[in-house]
Amino acid sequence: MKKPFVPQDFQVPEALETNLFRLRTLTVHDVVKDYDAVMTSVDHLQGVFGSHRDWPQGLTFEQDLIDLGWHQKEFQRRSSFTYTVMSLDGSRCLGCVYIYPPTRGDFEADVYLWVRQSEVGKGLDGVLFNTVKKWIEGKWPFAKVAYPGREISWSDWMKMDL
């Protein structure tokens, strides 16, 4: 039997709020704001999941809705956890955070994140990364977490054992 991604008794955080943004569970109800964030940042987001991936090139609204539904279902099943990064007033999606089961090396989780292009120059990418890293270290049951493309170069990541 496959080991669960998180222990059965682990209380999965539903949200995290800072003075700049709020992380909360991503759902299909976020599709309009999520799609806007993605489509205004297509070039910036190329390679966020690896140099070999072309997401979000060609993403349609319908495909984004399907993706969000998939993320929502995986969260419910506790097989992966995707959070939307929202402005404090909830009016704009500023990015996303993905906590996935490990795919390479001896890690316990893989974490990816992005912010919309308009927020990069304001320093939100670095703030989000540091906030998420501390949150995972303090609130999640993982001792060794991979941040591909951030703390591990994509070339080194692709060389690791599956």
C-alpha atoms as a PDB file:
ATOM      1  CA  MET A   1       0.000   0.000   0.000  1.00  0.00           C
ATOM      2  CA  LYS A   2       1.278   3.443  -0.973  1.00  0.00           C
ATOM      3  CA  LYS A   3       2.332   5.721   1.879  1.00  0.00           C
ATOM      4  CA  PRO A   4       0.035   8.762   2.192  1.00  0.00           C
ATOM      5  CA  PHE A   5       1.545  12.111   1.225  1.00  0.00           C
ATOM      6  CA  VAL A   6       0.771  13.547   4.671  1.00  0.00           C
ATOM      7  CA  PRO A   7      -0.043  11.637   7.861  1.00  0.00           C
ATOM      8  CA  GLN A   8      -3.730  10.849   8.380  1.00  0.00           C
ATOM      9  CA  ASP A   9      -3.852  12.923  11.568  1.00  0.00           C
ATOM     10  CA  PHE A  10      -2.114  15.949  10.019  1.00  0.00           C
ATOM     11  CA  GLN A  11      -4.318  19.041  10.053  1.00  0.00           C
ATOM     12  CA  VAL A  12      -3.759  20.558   6.598  1.00  0.00           C
ATOM     13  CA  PRO A  13      -3.590  24.355   6.816  1.00  0.00           C
ATOM     14  CA  GLU A  14      -6.434  25.999   4.927  1.00  0.00           C
ATOM     15  CA  ALA A  15      -4.940  29.483   4.854  1.00  0.00           C
ATOM     16  CA  LEU A  16      -2.027  31.737   5.727  1.00  0.00           C
ATOM     17  CA  GLU A  17      -2.358  35.498   5.964  1.00  0.00           C
ATOM     18  CA  THR A  18       0.399  38.108   5.953  1.00  0.00           C
ATOM     19  CA  ASN A  19       0.264  41.880   5.742  1.00  0.00           C
ATOM     20  CA  LEU A  20       0.643  41.591   1.924  1.00  0.00           C
ATOM     21  CA  PHE A  21      -1.433  38.599   0.829  1.00  0.00           C
ATOM     22  CA  ARG A  22      -3.581  35.660   1.852  1.00  0.00           C
ATOM     23  CA  LEU A  23      -2.904  32.060   0.865  1.00  0.00           C
ATOM     24  CA  ARG A  24      -6.008  29.912   0.780  1.00  0.00           C
ATOM     25  CA  THR A  25      -7.170  26.697  -0.823  1.00  0.00           C
ATOM     26  CA  LEU A  26      -7.561  27.069  -4.586  1.00  0.00           C
ATOM     27  CA  THR A  27     -11.031  26.140  -5.893  1.00  0.00           C
ATOM     28  CA  VAL A  28     -12.953  26.295  -9.167  1.00  0.00           C
ATOM     29  CA  HIS A  29     -14.544  29.504  -7.895  1.00  0.00           C
ATOM     30  CA  ASP A  30     -11.171  31.213  -8.409  1.00  0.00           C
ATOM     31  CA  VAL A  31     -11.043  30.569 -12.155  1.00  0.00           C
ATOM     32  CA  VAL A  32     -11.757  34.125 -13.349  1.00  0.00           C
ATOM     33  CA  LYS A  33      -9.100  35.700 -11.115  1.00  0.00           C
ATOM     34  CA  ASP A  34      -6.634  32.834 -11.644  1.00  0.00           C
ATOM     35  CA  TYR A  35      -7.013  32.944 -15.422  1.00  0.00           C
ATOM     36  CA  ASP A  36      -6.456  36.710 -15.410  1.00  0.00           C
ATOM     37  CA  ALA A  37      -3.265  36.304 -13.348  1.00  0.00           C
ATOM     38  CA  VAL A  38      -1.962  33.579 -15.646  1.00  0.00           C
ATOM     39  CA  MET A  39      -2.866  35.253 -18.934  1.00  0.00           C
ATOM     40  CA  THR A  40      -1.281  38.569 -17.936  1.00  0.00           C
ATOM     41  CA  SER A  41       1.926  36.684 -17.078  1.00  0.00           C
ATOM     42  CA  VAL A  42       2.314  34.026 -19.794  1.00  0.00           C
ATOM     43  CA  ASP A  43       5.912  34.851 -20.768  1.00  0.00           C
ATOM     44  CA  HIS A  44       6.942  35.309 -17.144  1.00  0.00           C
ATOM     45  CA  LEU A  45       5.463  31.914 -16.163  1.00  0.00           C
ATOM     46  CA  GLN A  46       7.172  29.895 -18.907  1.00  0.00           C
ATOM     47  CA  GLY A  47       9.335  27.308 -17.173  1.00  0.00           C
ATOM     48  CA  VAL A  48       7.895  27.706 -13.656  1.00  0.00           C
ATOM     49  CA  PHE A  49       7.448  23.903 -13.637  1.00  0.00           C
ATOM     50  CA  GLY A  50      10.677  23.232 -15.509  1.00  0.00           C
ATOM     51  CA  SER A  51      12.425  24.293 -18.681  1.00  0.00           C
ATOM     52  CA  HIS A  52      10.884  21.283 -20.419  1.00  0.00           C
ATOM     53  CA  ARG A  53       7.288  22.476 -19.734  1.00  0.00           C
ATOM     54  CA  ASP A  54       5.507  25.127 -21.787  1.00  0.00           C
ATOM     55  CA  TRP A  55       2.652  25.884 -19.366  1.00  0.00           C
ATOM     56  CA  PRO A  56       0.702  28.194 -19.618  1.00  0.00           C
ATOM     57  CA  GLN A  57       1.200  28.569 -23.373  1.00  0.00           C
ATOM     58  CA  GLY A  58      -2.169  27.962 -25.094  1.00  0.00           C
ATOM     59  CA  LEU A  59      -4.119  27.651 -21.842  1.00  0.00           C
ATOM     60  CA  THR A  60      -7.824  28.246 -22.407  1.00  0.00           C
ATOM     61  CA  PHE A  61     -10.332  29.400 -19.816  1.00  0.00           C
ATOM     62  CA  GLU A  62     -11.987  25.973 -19.953  1.00  0.00           C
ATOM     63  CA  GLN A  63      -8.660  24.189 -19.449  1.00  0.00           C
ATOM     64  CA  ASP A  64      -7.873  26.453 -16.484  1.00  0.00           C
ATOM     65  CA  LEU A  65     -11.253  25.570 -14.966  1.00  0.00           C
ATOM     66  CA  ILE A  66     -10.473  21.867 -15.410  1.00  0.00           C
ATOM     67  CA  ASP A  67      -7.019  22.337 -13.849  1.00  0.00           C
ATOM     68  CA  LEU A  68      -8.495  24.177 -10.858  1.00  0.00           C
ATOM     69  CA  GLY A  69     -11.085  21.440 -10.381  1.00  0.00           C
ATOM     70  CA  TRP A  70      -8.305  18.854 -10.462  1.00  0.00           C
ATOM     71  CA  HIS A  71      -6.278  20.795  -7.880  1.00  0.00           C
ATOM     72  CA  GLN A  72      -9.371  21.165  -5.681  1.00  0.00           C
ATOM     73  CA  LYS A  73     -10.092  17.426  -5.833  1.00  0.00           C
ATOM     74  CA  GLU A  74      -6.481  16.514  -5.054  1.00  0.00           C
ATOM     75  CA  PHE A  75      -6.612  18.827  -2.032  1.00  0.00           C
ATOM     76  CA  GLN A  76      -9.775  17.069  -0.842  1.00  0.00           C
ATOM     77  CA  ARG A  77      -8.076  13.694  -1.327  1.00  0.00           C
ATOM     78  CA  ARG A  78      -4.931  14.998   0.450  1.00  0.00           C
ATOM     79  CA  SER A  79      -2.762  13.889  -2.469  1.00  0.00           C
ATOM     80  CA  SER A  80      -1.442  17.409  -3.249  1.00  0.00           C
ATOM     81  CA  PHE A  81      -2.170  20.921  -2.001  1.00  0.00           C
ATOM     82  CA  THR A  82      -2.607  24.004  -4.151  1.00  0.00           C
ATOM     83  CA  TYR A  83      -3.160  27.454  -2.733  1.00  0.00           C
ATOM     84  CA  THR A  84      -4.131  30.662  -4.456  1.00  0.00           C
ATOM     85  CA  VAL A  85      -2.268  33.794  -3.406  1.00  0.00           C
ATOM     86  CA  MET A  86      -4.885  36.536  -3.108  1.00  0.00           C
ATOM     87  CA  SER A  87      -4.719  40.234  -2.374  1.00  0.00           C
ATOM     88  CA  LEU A  88      -5.938  40.950   1.154  1.00  0.00           C
ATOM     89  CA  ASP A  89      -9.226  42.332  -0.157  1.00  0.00           C
ATOM     90  CA  GLY A  90      -9.716  39.222  -2.321  1.00  0.00           C
ATOM     91  CA  SER A  91     -10.017  41.212  -5.528  1.00  0.00           C
ATOM     92  CA  ARG A  92      -6.932  39.831  -7.334  1.00  0.00           C
ATOM     93  CA  CYS A  93      -5.087  36.569  -7.654  1.00  0.00           C
ATOM     94  CA  LEU A  94      -1.423  37.362  -7.137  1.00  0.00           C
ATOM     95  CA  GLY A  95      -0.080  33.839  -7.743  1.00  0.00           C
ATOM     96  CA  CYS A  96      -0.198  30.209  -6.666  1.00  0.00           C
ATOM     97  CA  VAL A  97       1.647  27.752  -4.423  1.00  0.00           C
ATOM     98  CA  TYR A  98       1.757  24.017  -5.168  1.00  0.00           C
ATOM     99  CA  ILE A  99       2.803  21.383  -2.618  1.00  0.00           C
ATOM    100  CA  TYR A 100       3.260  18.067  -4.412  1.00  0.00           C
ATOM    101  CA  PRO A 101       4.448  14.590  -3.473  1.00  0.00           C
ATOM    102  CA  PRO A 102       8.154  14.155  -4.207  1.00  0.00           C
ATOM    103  CA  THR A 103       9.150  13.183  -7.726  1.00  0.00           C
ATOM    104  CA  ARG A 104      12.955  13.086  -7.515  1.00  0.00           C
ATOM    105  CA  GLY A 105      15.747  12.556  -5.043  1.00  0.00           C
ATOM    106  CA  ASP A 106      15.076  11.803  -1.377  1.00  0.00           C
ATOM    107  CA  PHE A 107      12.714  14.715  -0.750  1.00  0.00           C
ATOM    108  CA  GLU A 108       9.395  14.487   1.085  1.00  0.00           C
ATOM    109  CA  ALA A 109       7.673  17.195  -0.988  1.00  0.00           C
ATOM    110  CA  ASP A 110       8.196  19.337  -4.087  1.00  0.00           C
ATOM    111  CA  VAL A 111       7.078  22.972  -3.873  1.00  0.00           C
ATOM    112  CA  TYR A 112       6.479  25.292  -6.802  1.00  0.00           C
ATOM    113  CA  LEU A 113       5.160  28.825  -6.715  1.00  0.00           C
ATOM    114  CA  TRP A 114       4.652  31.836  -8.919  1.00  0.00           C
ATOM    115  CA  VAL A 115       3.439  35.407  -8.764  1.00  0.00           C
ATOM    116  CA  ARG A 116       1.830  37.394 -11.545  1.00  0.00           C
ATOM    117  CA  GLN A 117       4.258  39.435 -13.624  1.00  0.00           C
ATOM    118  CA  SER A 118       2.969  42.779 -12.332  1.00  0.00           C
ATOM    119  CA  GLU A 119       4.057  41.818  -8.791  1.00  0.00           C
ATOM    120  CA  VAL A 120       7.628  40.730  -9.562  1.00  0.00           C
ATOM    121  CA  GLY A 121       9.024  44.274  -9.638  1.00  0.00           C
ATOM    122  CA  LYS A 122       7.370  44.932  -6.268  1.00  0.00           C
ATOM    123  CA  GLY A 123       9.404  42.093  -4.721  1.00  0.00           C
ATOM    124  CA  LEU A 124       6.458  39.788  -4.097  1.00  0.00           C
ATOM    125  CA  ASP A 125       8.161  36.717  -5.570  1.00  0.00           C
ATOM    126  CA  GLY A 126      10.950  36.769  -2.983  1.00  0.00           C
ATOM    127  CA  VAL A 127       8.579  37.614  -0.141  1.00  0.00           C
ATOM    128  CA  LEU A 128       6.223  34.780  -1.132  1.00  0.00           C
ATOM    129  CA  PHE A 129       9.073  32.285  -1.448  1.00  0.00           C
ATOM    130  CA  ASN A 130      10.521  33.158   1.968  1.00  0.00           C
ATOM    131  CA  THR A 131       7.079  33.148   3.599  1.00  0.00           C
ATOM    132  CA  VAL A 132       6.137  29.784   2.089  1.00  0.00           C
ATOM    133  CA  LYS A 133       9.477  28.247   3.041  1.00  0.00           C
ATOM    134  CA  LYS A 134       9.068  29.304   6.699  1.00  0.00           C
ATOM    135  CA  TRP A 135       5.409  28.184   6.686  1.00  0.00           C
ATOM    136  CA  ILE A 136       6.318  24.734   5.384  1.00  0.00           C
ATOM    137  CA  GLU A 137       9.178  24.389   7.867  1.00  0.00           C
ATOM    138  CA  GLY A 138       6.916  25.400  10.755  1.00  0.00           C
ATOM    139  CA  LYS A 139       3.507  23.940   9.902  1.00  0.00           C
ATOM    140  CA  TRP A 140       4.002  20.984   7.571  1.00  0.00           C
ATOM    141  CA  PRO A 141       5.314  17.465   8.369  1.00  0.00           C
ATOM    142  CA  PHE A 142       8.165  17.527   5.842  1.00  0.00           C
ATOM    143  CA  ALA A 143      11.825  17.408   6.874  1.00  0.00           C
ATOM    144  CA  LYS A 144      13.296  17.714   3.373  1.00  0.00           C
ATOM    145  CA  VAL A 145      11.543  19.837   0.756  1.00  0.00           C
ATOM    146  CA  ALA A 146      12.613  20.487  -2.845  1.00  0.00           C
ATOM    147  CA  TYR A 147      12.144  23.891  -4.439  1.00  0.00           C
ATOM    148  CA  PRO A 148      12.978  23.078  -8.076  1.00  0.00           C
ATOM    149  CA  GLY A 149      14.078  26.059 -10.120  1.00  0.00           C
ATOM    150  CA  ARG A 150      14.767  28.038  -6.951  1.00  0.00           C
ATOM    151  CA  GLU A 151      17.134  26.185  -4.606  1.00  0.00           C
ATOM    152  CA  ILE A 152      17.915  23.463  -7.136  1.00  0.00           C
ATOM    153  CA  SER A 153      18.716  24.393 -10.728  1.00  0.00           C
ATOM    154  CA  TRP A 154      16.535  22.800 -13.396  1.00  0.00           C
ATOM    155  CA  SER A 155      19.541  21.021 -14.890  1.00  0.00           C
ATOM    156  CA  ASP A 156      20.484  19.497 -11.507  1.00  0.00           C
ATOM    157  CA  TRP A 157      16.833  18.645 -10.869  1.00  0.00           C
ATOM    158  CA  MET A 158      16.529  16.752 -14.142  1.00  0.00           C
ATOM    159  CA  LYS A 159      19.683  14.733 -13.330  1.00  0.00           C
ATOM    160  CA  MET A 160      18.283  13.452 -10.020  1.00  0.00           C
ATOM    161  CA  ASP A 161      16.936   9.933  -9.647  1.00  0.00           C
ATOM    162  CA  LEU A 162      13.218   9.515 -10.120  1.00  0.00           C
END
